[in-house]
Amino acid sequence: MERLSEDQIKEKLSKLEGWSLEGSYIVREFQTKNWKTTIFVVNAIASLAEAMWHHPDLEVGFKRIKVKLTTHEAGGLTEKDFKLAEEIERTVREILKH
């Protein structure tokens, strides 16, 4: 998969609320209500990642999850990172609504 240019990254990032650029990663931190919800969200992210065969770095805390996406094989960000970010965003928002 081909790495995205800086302009492509900026354009795609502008369409993802709450995501930011940290080096060669796009990053988003989600706040949850409690530990049980945190783990439920982590498992949902893991299922999405496995289905896309694209695995993020996750930092898990009591009521927070930090998601970091990059395409290691490409040495930077690709379309795949943004597709997974969109799916994660949609799924986590739905979970946290309840």
PDB file of N, CA and C in Angstrom:
ATOM      1  N   MET A   1       0.842  -1.182   0.000  1.00  0.00           N
ATOM      2  CA  MET A   1       0.000   0.000   0.000  1.00  0.00           C
ATOM      3  C   MET A   1       0.886   1.244   0.000  1.00  0.00           C
ATOM      4  N   GLU A   2       0.494   2.237  -0.784  1.00  0.00           N
ATOM      5  CA  GLU A   2       1.293   3.441  -0.981  1.00  0.00           C
ATOM      6  C   GLU A   2       1.079   4.467   0.137  1.00  0.00           C
ATOM      7  N   ARG A   3       2.183   5.056   0.603  1.00  0.00           N
ATOM      8  CA  ARG A   3       2.103   6.112   1.622  1.00  0.00           C
ATOM      9  C   ARG A   3       1.407   7.338   1.061  1.00  0.00           C
ATOM     10  N   LEU A   4       0.675   8.017   1.923  1.00  0.00           N
ATOM     11  CA  LEU A   4      -0.006   9.250   1.540  1.00  0.00           C
ATOM     12  C   LEU A   4       0.945  10.429   1.663  1.00  0.00           C
ATOM     13  N   SER A   5       0.701  11.452   0.831  1.00  0.00           N
ATOM     14  CA  SER A   5       1.492  12.686   0.909  1.00  0.00           C
ATOM     15  C   SER A   5       1.018  13.508   2.113  1.00  0.00           C
ATOM     16  N   GLU A   6       1.802  14.499   2.486  1.00  0.00           N
ATOM     17  CA  GLU A   6       1.422  15.383   3.596  1.00  0.00           C
ATOM     18  C   GLU A   6       0.087  16.065   3.313  1.00  0.00           C
ATOM     19  N   ASP A   7      -0.130  16.502   2.082  1.00  0.00           N
ATOM     20  CA  ASP A   7      -1.392  17.157   1.721  1.00  0.00           C
ATOM     21  C   ASP A   7      -2.563  16.185   1.823  1.00  0.00           C
ATOM     22  N   GLN A   8      -2.376  14.961   1.380  1.00  0.00           N
ATOM     23  CA  GLN A   8      -3.436  13.959   1.480  1.00  0.00           C
ATOM     24  C   GLN A   8      -3.760  13.662   2.950  1.00  0.00           C
ATOM     25  N   ILE A   9      -2.732  13.574   3.765  1.00  0.00           N
ATOM     26  CA  ILE A   9      -2.932  13.317   5.196  1.00  0.00           C
ATOM     27  C   ILE A   9      -3.719  14.457   5.825  1.00  0.00           C
ATOM     28  N   LYS A  10      -3.332  15.698   5.550  1.00  0.00           N
ATOM     29  CA  LYS A  10      -4.034  16.856   6.112  1.00  0.00           C
ATOM     30  C   LYS A  10      -5.501  16.878   5.691  1.00  0.00           C
ATOM     31  N   GLU A  11      -5.754  16.585   4.422  1.00  0.00           N
ATOM     32  CA  GLU A  11      -7.132  16.570   3.929  1.00  0.00           C
ATOM     33  C   GLU A  11      -7.960  15.502   4.640  1.00  0.00           C
ATOM     34  N   LYS A  12      -7.435  14.291   4.718  1.00  0.00           N
ATOM     35  CA  LYS A  12      -8.171  13.193   5.348  1.00  0.00           C
ATOM     36  C   LYS A  12      -8.339  13.424   6.848  1.00  0.00           C
ATOM     37  N   LEU A  13      -7.334  13.960   7.485  1.00  0.00           N
ATOM     38  CA  LEU A  13      -7.386  14.221   8.916  1.00  0.00           C
ATOM     39  C   LEU A  13      -8.429  15.288   9.248  1.00  0.00           C
ATOM     40  N   SER A  14      -8.611  16.235   8.352  1.00  0.00           N
ATOM     41  CA  SER A  14      -9.606  17.297   8.584  1.00  0.00           C
ATOM     42  C   SER A  14     -11.032  16.750   8.627  1.00  0.00           C
ATOM     43  N   LYS A  15     -11.227  15.550   8.097  1.00  0.00           N
ATOM     44  CA  LYS A  15     -12.551  14.932   8.071  1.00  0.00           C
ATOM     45  C   LYS A  15     -12.788  13.986   9.253  1.00  0.00           C
ATOM     46  N   LEU A  16     -11.773  13.819  10.096  1.00  0.00           N
ATOM     47  CA  LEU A  16     -11.879  12.929  11.255  1.00  0.00           C
ATOM     48  C   LEU A  16     -11.873  13.755  12.543  1.00  0.00           C
ATOM     49  N   GLU A  17     -13.015  13.902  13.136  1.00  0.00           N
ATOM     50  CA  GLU A  17     -13.133  14.690  14.360  1.00  0.00           C
ATOM     51  C   GLU A  17     -12.383  14.017  15.517  1.00  0.00           C
ATOM     52  N   GLY A  18     -11.552  14.791  16.186  1.00  0.00           N
ATOM     53  CA  GLY A  18     -10.866  14.295  17.372  1.00  0.00           C
ATOM     54  C   GLY A  18      -9.548  13.587  17.109  1.00  0.00           C
ATOM     55  N   TRP A  19      -9.208  13.332  15.860  1.00  0.00           N
ATOM     56  CA  TRP A  19      -7.963  12.666  15.513  1.00  0.00           C
ATOM     57  C   TRP A  19      -6.885  13.708  15.241  1.00  0.00           C
ATOM     58  N   SER A  20      -5.650  13.372  15.577  1.00  0.00           N
ATOM     59  CA  SER A  20      -4.540  14.295  15.328  1.00  0.00           C
ATOM     60  C   SER A  20      -3.341  13.519  14.789  1.00  0.00           C
ATOM     61  N   LEU A  21      -2.385  14.254  14.299  1.00  0.00           N
ATOM     62  CA  LEU A  21      -1.170  13.675  13.742  1.00  0.00           C
ATOM     63  C   LEU A  21      -0.081  13.739  14.803  1.00  0.00           C
ATOM     64  N   GLU A  22       0.540  12.589  15.076  1.00  0.00           N
ATOM     65  CA  GLU A  22       1.685  12.516  15.987  1.00  0.00           C
ATOM     66  C   GLU A  22       2.776  11.737  15.264  1.00  0.00           C
ATOM     67  N   GLY A  23       3.710  12.454  14.679  1.00  0.00           N
ATOM     68  CA  GLY A  23       4.764  11.807  13.904  1.00  0.00           C
ATOM     69  C   GLY A  23       4.170  11.098  12.703  1.00  0.00           C
ATOM     70  N   SER A  24       4.387   9.798  12.613  1.00  0.00           N
ATOM     71  CA  SER A  24       3.857   9.035  11.486  1.00  0.00           C
ATOM     72  C   SER A  24       2.573   8.287  11.861  1.00  0.00           C
ATOM     73  N   TYR A  25       1.899   8.735  12.920  1.00  0.00           N
ATOM     74  CA  TYR A  25       0.653   8.113  13.387  1.00  0.00           C
ATOM     75  C   TYR A  25      -0.499   9.108  13.350  1.00  0.00           C
ATOM     76  N   ILE A  26      -1.718   8.588  13.149  1.00  0.00           N
ATOM     77  CA  ILE A  26      -2.906   9.362  13.488  1.00  0.00           C
ATOM     78  C   ILE A  26      -3.384   8.796  14.814  1.00  0.00           C
ATOM     79  N   VAL A  27      -3.824   9.704  15.694  1.00  0.00           N
ATOM     80  CA  VAL A  27      -4.071   9.341  17.086  1.00  0.00           C
ATOM     81  C   VAL A  27      -5.398   9.904  17.558  1.00  0.00           C
ATOM     82  N   ARG A  28      -6.086   9.115  18.385  1.00  0.00           N
ATOM     83  CA  ARG A  28      -7.352   9.557  18.981  1.00  0.00           C
ATOM     84  C   ARG A  28      -7.464   8.938  20.348  1.00  0.00           C
ATOM     85  N   GLU A  29      -7.880   9.731  21.333  1.00  0.00           N
ATOM     86  CA  GLU A  29      -8.130   9.206  22.667  1.00  0.00           C
ATOM     87  C   GLU A  29      -9.625   9.264  22.935  1.00  0.00           C
ATOM     88  N   PHE A  30     -10.158   8.155  23.410  1.00  0.00           N
ATOM     89  CA  PHE A  30     -11.577   8.066  23.753  1.00  0.00           C
ATOM     90  C   PHE A  30     -11.709   7.953  25.265  1.00  0.00           C
ATOM     91  N   GLN A  31     -12.676   8.676  25.818  1.00  0.00           N
ATOM     92  CA  GLN A  31     -12.999   8.588  27.238  1.00  0.00           C
ATOM     93  C   GLN A  31     -14.226   7.700  27.389  1.00  0.00           C
ATOM     94  N   THR A  32     -14.201   6.824  28.390  1.00  0.00           N
ATOM     95  CA  THR A  32     -15.329   5.932  28.629  1.00  0.00           C
ATOM     96  C   THR A  32     -15.908   6.182  30.022  1.00  0.00           C
ATOM     97  N   LYS A  33     -17.028   5.510  30.299  1.00  0.00           N
ATOM     98  CA  LYS A  33     -17.707   5.688  31.586  1.00  0.00           C
ATOM     99  C   LYS A  33     -17.054   4.909  32.713  1.00  0.00           C
ATOM    100  N   ASN A  34     -16.503   3.747  32.378  1.00  0.00           N
ATOM    101  CA  ASN A  34     -15.955   2.873  33.421  1.00  0.00           C
ATOM    102  C   ASN A  34     -15.058   1.814  32.770  1.00  0.00           C
ATOM    103  N   TRP A  35     -14.440   0.992  33.614  1.00  0.00           N
ATOM    104  CA  TRP A  35     -13.518  -0.031  33.138  1.00  0.00           C
ATOM    105  C   TRP A  35     -14.204  -1.029  32.215  1.00  0.00           C
ATOM    106  N   LYS A  36     -15.405  -1.458  32.575  1.00  0.00           N
ATOM    107  CA  LYS A  36     -16.128  -2.439  31.768  1.00  0.00           C
ATOM    108  C   LYS A  36     -16.364  -1.916  30.349  1.00  0.00           C
ATOM    109  N   THR A  37     -16.757  -0.659  30.242  1.00  0.00           N
ATOM    110  CA  THR A  37     -16.973  -0.047  28.931  1.00  0.00           C
ATOM    111  C   THR A  37     -15.652   0.067  28.176  1.00  0.00           C
ATOM    112  N   THR A  38     -14.595   0.420  28.880  1.00  0.00           N
ATOM    113  CA  THR A  38     -13.276   0.512  28.253  1.00  0.00           C
ATOM    114  C   THR A  38     -12.908  -0.806  27.578  1.00  0.00           C
ATOM    115  N   ILE A  39     -13.065  -1.891  28.286  1.00  0.00           N
ATOM    116  CA  ILE A  39     -12.704  -3.201  27.739  1.00  0.00           C
ATOM    117  C   ILE A  39     -13.639  -3.591  26.593  1.00  0.00           C
ATOM    118  N   PHE A  40     -14.915  -3.248  26.705  1.00  0.00           N
ATOM    119  CA  PHE A  40     -15.862  -3.521  25.618  1.00  0.00           C
ATOM    120  C   PHE A  40     -15.419  -2.787  24.345  1.00  0.00           C
ATOM    121  N   VAL A  41     -15.021  -1.519  24.488  1.00  0.00           N
ATOM    122  CA  VAL A  41     -14.562  -0.731  23.347  1.00  0.00           C
ATOM    123  C   VAL A  41     -13.273  -1.316  22.770  1.00  0.00           C
ATOM    124  N   VAL A  42     -12.342  -1.701  23.628  1.00  0.00           N
ATOM    125  CA  VAL A  42     -11.094  -2.314  23.156  1.00  0.00           C
ATOM    126  C   VAL A  42     -11.402  -3.558  22.330  1.00  0.00           C
ATOM    127  N   ASN A  43     -12.304  -4.387  22.806  1.00  0.00           N
ATOM    128  CA  ASN A  43     -12.662  -5.600  22.069  1.00  0.00           C
ATOM    129  C   ASN A  43     -13.326  -5.276  20.734  1.00  0.00           C
ATOM    130  N   ALA A  44     -14.144  -4.234  20.694  1.00  0.00           N
ATOM    131  CA  ALA A  44     -14.770  -3.821  19.433  1.00  0.00           C
ATOM    132  C   ALA A  44     -13.705  -3.343  18.443  1.00  0.00           C
ATOM    133  N   ILE A  45     -12.749  -2.554  18.919  1.00  0.00           N
ATOM    134  CA  ILE A  45     -11.657  -2.086  18.065  1.00  0.00           C
ATOM    135  C   ILE A  45     -10.838  -3.273  17.566  1.00  0.00           C
ATOM    136  N   ALA A  46     -10.570  -4.222  18.445  1.00  0.00           N
ATOM    137  CA  ALA A  46      -9.802  -5.406  18.057  1.00  0.00           C
ATOM    138  C   ALA A  46     -10.519  -6.193  16.956  1.00  0.00           C
ATOM    139  N   SER A  47     -11.831  -6.306  17.052  1.00  0.00           N
ATOM    140  CA  SER A  47     -12.604  -7.018  16.017  1.00  0.00           C
ATOM    141  C   SER A  47     -12.532  -6.308  14.678  1.00  0.00           C
ATOM    142  N   LEU A  48     -12.675  -4.986  14.703  1.00  0.00           N
ATOM    143  CA  LEU A  48     -12.565  -4.212  13.457  1.00  0.00           C
ATOM    144  C   LEU A  48     -11.173  -4.377  12.844  1.00  0.00           C
ATOM    145  N   ALA A  49     -10.162  -4.254  13.679  1.00  0.00           N
ATOM    146  CA  ALA A  49      -8.781  -4.347  13.209  1.00  0.00           C
ATOM    147  C   ALA A  49      -8.498  -5.720  12.606  1.00  0.00           C
ATOM    148  N   GLU A  50      -8.974  -6.751  13.260  1.00  0.00           N
ATOM    149  CA  GLU A  50      -8.742  -8.107  12.769  1.00  0.00           C
ATOM    150  C   GLU A  50      -9.441  -8.315  11.425  1.00  0.00           C
ATOM    151  N   ALA A  51     -10.662  -7.789  11.297  1.00  0.00           N
ATOM    152  CA  ALA A  51     -11.408  -7.927  10.046  1.00  0.00           C
ATOM    153  C   ALA A  51     -10.701  -7.224   8.886  1.00  0.00           C
ATOM    154  N   MET A  52     -10.023  -6.108   9.192  1.00  0.00           N
ATOM    155  CA  MET A  52      -9.307  -5.363   8.155  1.00  0.00           C
ATOM    156  C   MET A  52      -7.846  -5.806   8.037  1.00  0.00           C
ATOM    157  N   TRP A  53      -7.428  -6.675   8.931  1.00  0.00           N
ATOM    158  CA  TRP A  53      -6.048  -7.121   8.996  1.00  0.00           C
ATOM    159  C   TRP A  53      -5.090  -5.924   9.060  1.00  0.00           C
ATOM    160  N   HIS A  54      -5.458  -5.014   9.980  1.00  0.00           N
ATOM    161  CA  HIS A  54      -4.669  -3.795  10.189  1.00  0.00           C
ATOM    162  C   HIS A  54      -4.780  -3.455  11.667  1.00  0.00           C
ATOM    163  N   HIS A  55      -3.702  -3.557  12.393  1.00  0.00           N
ATOM    164  CA  HIS A  55      -3.758  -3.546  13.848  1.00  0.00           C
ATOM    165  C   HIS A  55      -3.152  -2.277  14.445  1.00  0.00           C
ATOM    166  N   PRO A  56      -3.970  -1.518  15.191  1.00  0.00           N
ATOM    167  CA  PRO A  56      -3.482  -0.287  15.806  1.00  0.00           C
ATOM    168  C   PRO A  56      -2.696  -0.574  17.084  1.00  0.00           C
ATOM    169  N   ASP A  57      -1.963   0.419  17.525  1.00  0.00           N
ATOM    170  CA  ASP A  57      -1.390   0.394  18.862  1.00  0.00           C
ATOM    171  C   ASP A  57      -2.466   0.955  19.785  1.00  0.00           C
ATOM    172  N   LEU A  58      -2.688   0.290  20.904  1.00  0.00           N
ATOM    173  CA  LEU A  58      -3.696   0.741  21.864  1.00  0.00           C
ATOM    174  C   LEU A  58      -3.041   0.945  23.223  1.00  0.00           C
ATOM    175  N   GLU A  59      -3.364   2.065  23.851  1.00  0.00           N
ATOM    176  CA  GLU A  59      -2.972   2.311  25.240  1.00  0.00           C
ATOM    177  C   GLU A  59      -4.268   2.339  26.035  1.00  0.00           C
ATOM    178  N   VAL A  60      -4.364   1.479  27.029  1.00  0.00           N
ATOM    179  CA  VAL A  60      -5.613   1.321  27.762  1.00  0.00           C
ATOM    180  C   VAL A  60      -5.425   1.776  29.202  1.00  0.00           C
ATOM    181  N   GLY A  61      -6.348   2.628  29.653  1.00  0.00           N
ATOM    182  CA  GLY A  61      -6.376   3.075  31.039  1.00  0.00           C
ATOM    183  C   GLY A  61      -7.731   2.768  31.647  1.00  0.00           C
ATOM    184  N   PHE A  62      -7.944   3.185  32.855  1.00  0.00           N
ATOM    185  CA  PHE A  62      -9.184   2.898  33.573  1.00  0.00           C
ATOM    186  C   PHE A  62     -10.420   3.335  32.792  1.00  0.00           C
ATOM    187  N   LYS A  63     -10.445   4.582  32.353  1.00  0.00           N
ATOM    188  CA  LYS A  63     -11.591   5.091  31.587  1.00  0.00           C
ATOM    189  C   LYS A  63     -11.145   5.798  30.313  1.00  0.00           C
ATOM    190  N   ARG A  64     -10.116   5.241  29.667  1.00  0.00           N
ATOM    191  CA  ARG A  64      -9.646   5.852  28.429  1.00  0.00           C
ATOM    192  C   ARG A  64      -8.943   4.828  27.554  1.00  0.00           C
ATOM    193  N   ILE A  65      -8.979   5.103  26.258  1.00  0.00           N
ATOM    194  CA  ILE A  65      -8.274   4.289  25.270  1.00  0.00           C
ATOM    195  C   ILE A  65      -7.627   5.245  24.284  1.00  0.00           C
ATOM    196  N   LYS A  66      -6.351   5.082  24.059  1.00  0.00           N
ATOM    197  CA  LYS A  66      -5.650   5.861  23.043  1.00  0.00           C
ATOM    198  C   LYS A  66      -5.364   4.931  21.877  1.00  0.00           C
ATOM    199  N   VAL A  67      -5.797   5.334  20.690  1.00  0.00           N
ATOM    200  CA  VAL A  67      -5.617   4.549  19.471  1.00  0.00           C
ATOM    201  C   VAL A  67      -4.584   5.248  18.598  1.00  0.00           C
ATOM    202  N   LYS A  68      -3.590   4.491  18.144  1.00  0.00           N
ATOM    203  CA  LYS A  68      -2.554   5.024  17.260  1.00  0.00           C
ATOM    204  C   LYS A  68      -2.498   4.148  16.018  1.00  0.00           C
ATOM    205  N   LEU A  69      -2.632   4.781  14.862  1.00  0.00           N
ATOM    206  CA  LEU A  69      -2.634   4.056  13.590  1.00  0.00           C
ATOM    207  C   LEU A  69      -1.513   4.525  12.676  1.00  0.00           C
ATOM    208  N   THR A  70      -0.839   3.572  12.066  1.00  0.00           N
ATOM    209  CA  THR A  70       0.128   3.803  11.002  1.00  0.00           C
ATOM    210  C   THR A  70       0.268   2.489  10.239  1.00  0.00           C
ATOM    211  N   THR A  71       0.816   2.551   9.064  1.00  0.00           N
ATOM    212  CA  THR A  71       1.058   1.331   8.293  1.00  0.00           C
ATOM    213  C   THR A  71       2.554   1.063   8.327  1.00  0.00           C
ATOM    214  N   HIS A  72       2.951   0.161   9.205  1.00  0.00           N
ATOM    215  CA  HIS A  72       4.374  -0.108   9.417  1.00  0.00           C
ATOM    216  C   HIS A  72       5.079  -0.539   8.140  1.00  0.00           C
ATOM    217  N   GLU A  73       4.418  -1.401   7.335  1.00  0.00           N
ATOM    218  CA  GLU A  73       5.055  -1.891   6.104  1.00  0.00           C
ATOM    219  C   GLU A  73       5.353  -0.767   5.116  1.00  0.00           C
ATOM    220  N   ALA A  74       4.527   0.280   5.152  1.00  0.00           N
ATOM    221  CA  ALA A  74       4.705   1.400   4.222  1.00  0.00           C
ATOM    222  C   ALA A  74       5.594   2.490   4.824  1.00  0.00           C
ATOM    223  N   GLY A  75       5.878   2.388   6.100  1.00  0.00           N
ATOM    224  CA  GLY A  75       6.703   3.396   6.752  1.00  0.00           C
ATOM    225  C   GLY A  75       5.985   4.712   6.968  1.00  0.00           C
ATOM    226  N   GLY A  76       4.667   4.670   7.090  1.00  0.00           N
ATOM    227  CA  GLY A  76       3.886   5.888   7.311  1.00  0.00           C
ATOM    228  C   GLY A  76       2.405   5.626   7.108  1.00  0.00           C
ATOM    229  N   LEU A  77       1.684   6.696   6.916  1.00  0.00           N
ATOM    230  CA  LEU A  77       0.225   6.611   6.805  1.00  0.00           C
ATOM    231  C   LEU A  77      -0.231   6.266   5.395  1.00  0.00           C
ATOM    232  N   THR A  78      -1.251   5.412   5.341  1.00  0.00           N
ATOM    233  CA  THR A  78      -1.840   5.007   4.071  1.00  0.00           C
ATOM    234  C   THR A  78      -3.358   5.129   4.178  1.00  0.00           C
ATOM    235  N   GLU A  79      -4.017   4.879   3.071  1.00  0.00           N
ATOM    236  CA  GLU A  79      -5.479   4.888   3.023  1.00  0.00           C
ATOM    237  C   GLU A  79      -6.059   3.929   4.065  1.00  0.00           C
ATOM    238  N   LYS A  80      -5.386   2.833   4.274  1.00  0.00           N
ATOM    239  CA  LYS A  80      -5.840   1.811   5.221  1.00  0.00           C
ATOM    240  C   LYS A  80      -6.000   2.382   6.640  1.00  0.00           C
ATOM    241  N   ASP A  81      -5.100   3.264   7.043  1.00  0.00           N
ATOM    242  CA  ASP A  81      -5.178   3.867   8.376  1.00  0.00           C
ATOM    243  C   ASP A  81      -6.437   4.707   8.520  1.00  0.00           C
ATOM    244  N   PHE A  82      -6.743   5.463   7.501  1.00  0.00           N
ATOM    245  CA  PHE A  82      -7.912   6.339   7.573  1.00  0.00           C
ATOM    246  C   PHE A  82      -9.217   5.558   7.474  1.00  0.00           C
ATOM    247  N   LYS A  83      -9.223   4.481   6.719  1.00  0.00           N
ATOM    248  CA  LYS A  83     -10.421   3.632   6.662  1.00  0.00           C
ATOM    249  C   LYS A  83     -10.697   3.003   8.019  1.00  0.00           C
ATOM    250  N   LEU A  84      -9.650   2.498   8.653  1.00  0.00           N
ATOM    251  CA  LEU A  84      -9.848   1.907   9.983  1.00  0.00           C
ATOM    252  C   LEU A  84     -10.227   2.982  10.995  1.00  0.00           C
ATOM    253  N   ALA A  85      -9.634   4.148  10.919  1.00  0.00           N
ATOM    254  CA  ALA A  85      -9.990   5.242  11.837  1.00  0.00           C
ATOM    255  C   ALA A  85     -11.470   5.591  11.712  1.00  0.00           C
ATOM    256  N   GLU A  86     -11.986   5.656  10.489  1.00  0.00           N
ATOM    257  CA  GLU A  86     -13.408   5.950  10.274  1.00  0.00           C
ATOM    258  C   GLU A  86     -14.285   4.878  10.903  1.00  0.00           C
ATOM    259  N   GLU A  87     -13.913   3.630  10.733  1.00  0.00           N
ATOM    260  CA  GLU A  87     -14.686   2.520  11.316  1.00  0.00           C
ATOM    261  C   GLU A  87     -14.622   2.540  12.844  1.00  0.00           C
ATOM    262  N   ILE A  88     -13.446   2.812  13.376  1.00  0.00           N
ATOM    263  CA  ILE A  88     -13.291   2.906  14.828  1.00  0.00           C
ATOM    264  C   ILE A  88     -14.152   4.045  15.359  1.00  0.00           C
ATOM    265  N   GLU A  89     -14.083   5.190  14.717  1.00  0.00           N
ATOM    266  CA  GLU A  89     -14.852   6.362  15.156  1.00  0.00           C
ATOM    267  C   GLU A  89     -16.347   6.049  15.183  1.00  0.00           C
ATOM    268  N   ARG A  90     -16.846   5.477  14.096  1.00  0.00           N
ATOM    269  CA  ARG A  90     -18.273   5.161  13.999  1.00  0.00           C
ATOM    270  C   ARG A  90     -18.687   4.170  15.088  1.00  0.00           C
ATOM    271  N   THR A  91     -17.909   3.122  15.260  1.00  0.00           N
ATOM    272  CA  THR A  91     -18.226   2.059  16.209  1.00  0.00           C
ATOM    273  C   THR A  91     -18.157   2.560  17.650  1.00  0.00           C
ATOM    274  N   VAL A  92     -17.105   3.266  17.996  1.00  0.00           N
ATOM    275  CA  VAL A  92     -16.948   3.747  19.369  1.00  0.00           C
ATOM    276  C   VAL A  92     -18.031   4.763  19.708  1.00  0.00           C
ATOM    277  N   ARG A  93     -18.346   5.649  18.803  1.00  0.00           N
ATOM    278  CA  ARG A  93     -19.440   6.605  19.049  1.00  0.00           C
ATOM    279  C   ARG A  93     -20.750   5.893  19.351  1.00  0.00           C
ATOM    280  N   GLU A  94     -21.033   4.842  18.587  1.00  0.00           N
ATOM    281  CA  GLU A  94     -22.258   4.071  18.803  1.00  0.00           C
ATOM    282  C   GLU A  94     -22.255   3.408  20.179  1.00  0.00           C
ATOM    283  N   ILE A  95     -21.132   2.833  20.557  1.00  0.00           N
ATOM    284  CA  ILE A  95     -21.034   2.184  21.874  1.00  0.00           C
ATOM    285  C   ILE A  95     -21.201   3.205  22.990  1.00  0.00           C
ATOM    286  N   LEU A  96     -20.553   4.342  22.870  1.00  0.00           N
ATOM    287  CA  LEU A  96     -20.573   5.334  23.949  1.00  0.00           C
ATOM    288  C   LEU A  96     -21.899   6.089  24.058  1.00  0.00           C
ATOM    289  N   LYS A  97     -22.747   5.972  23.030  1.00  0.00           N
ATOM    290  CA  LYS A  97     -24.082   6.589  23.099  1.00  0.00           C
ATOM    291  C   LYS A  97     -24.940   5.939  24.181  1.00  0.00           C
ATOM    292  N   HIS A  98     -24.673   4.685  24.456  1.00  0.00           N
ATOM    293  CA  HIS A  98     -25.543   3.922  25.370  1.00  0.00           C
ATOM    294  C   HIS A  98     -25.069   4.003  26.792  1.00  0.00           C
TER     295      HIS A  98
END
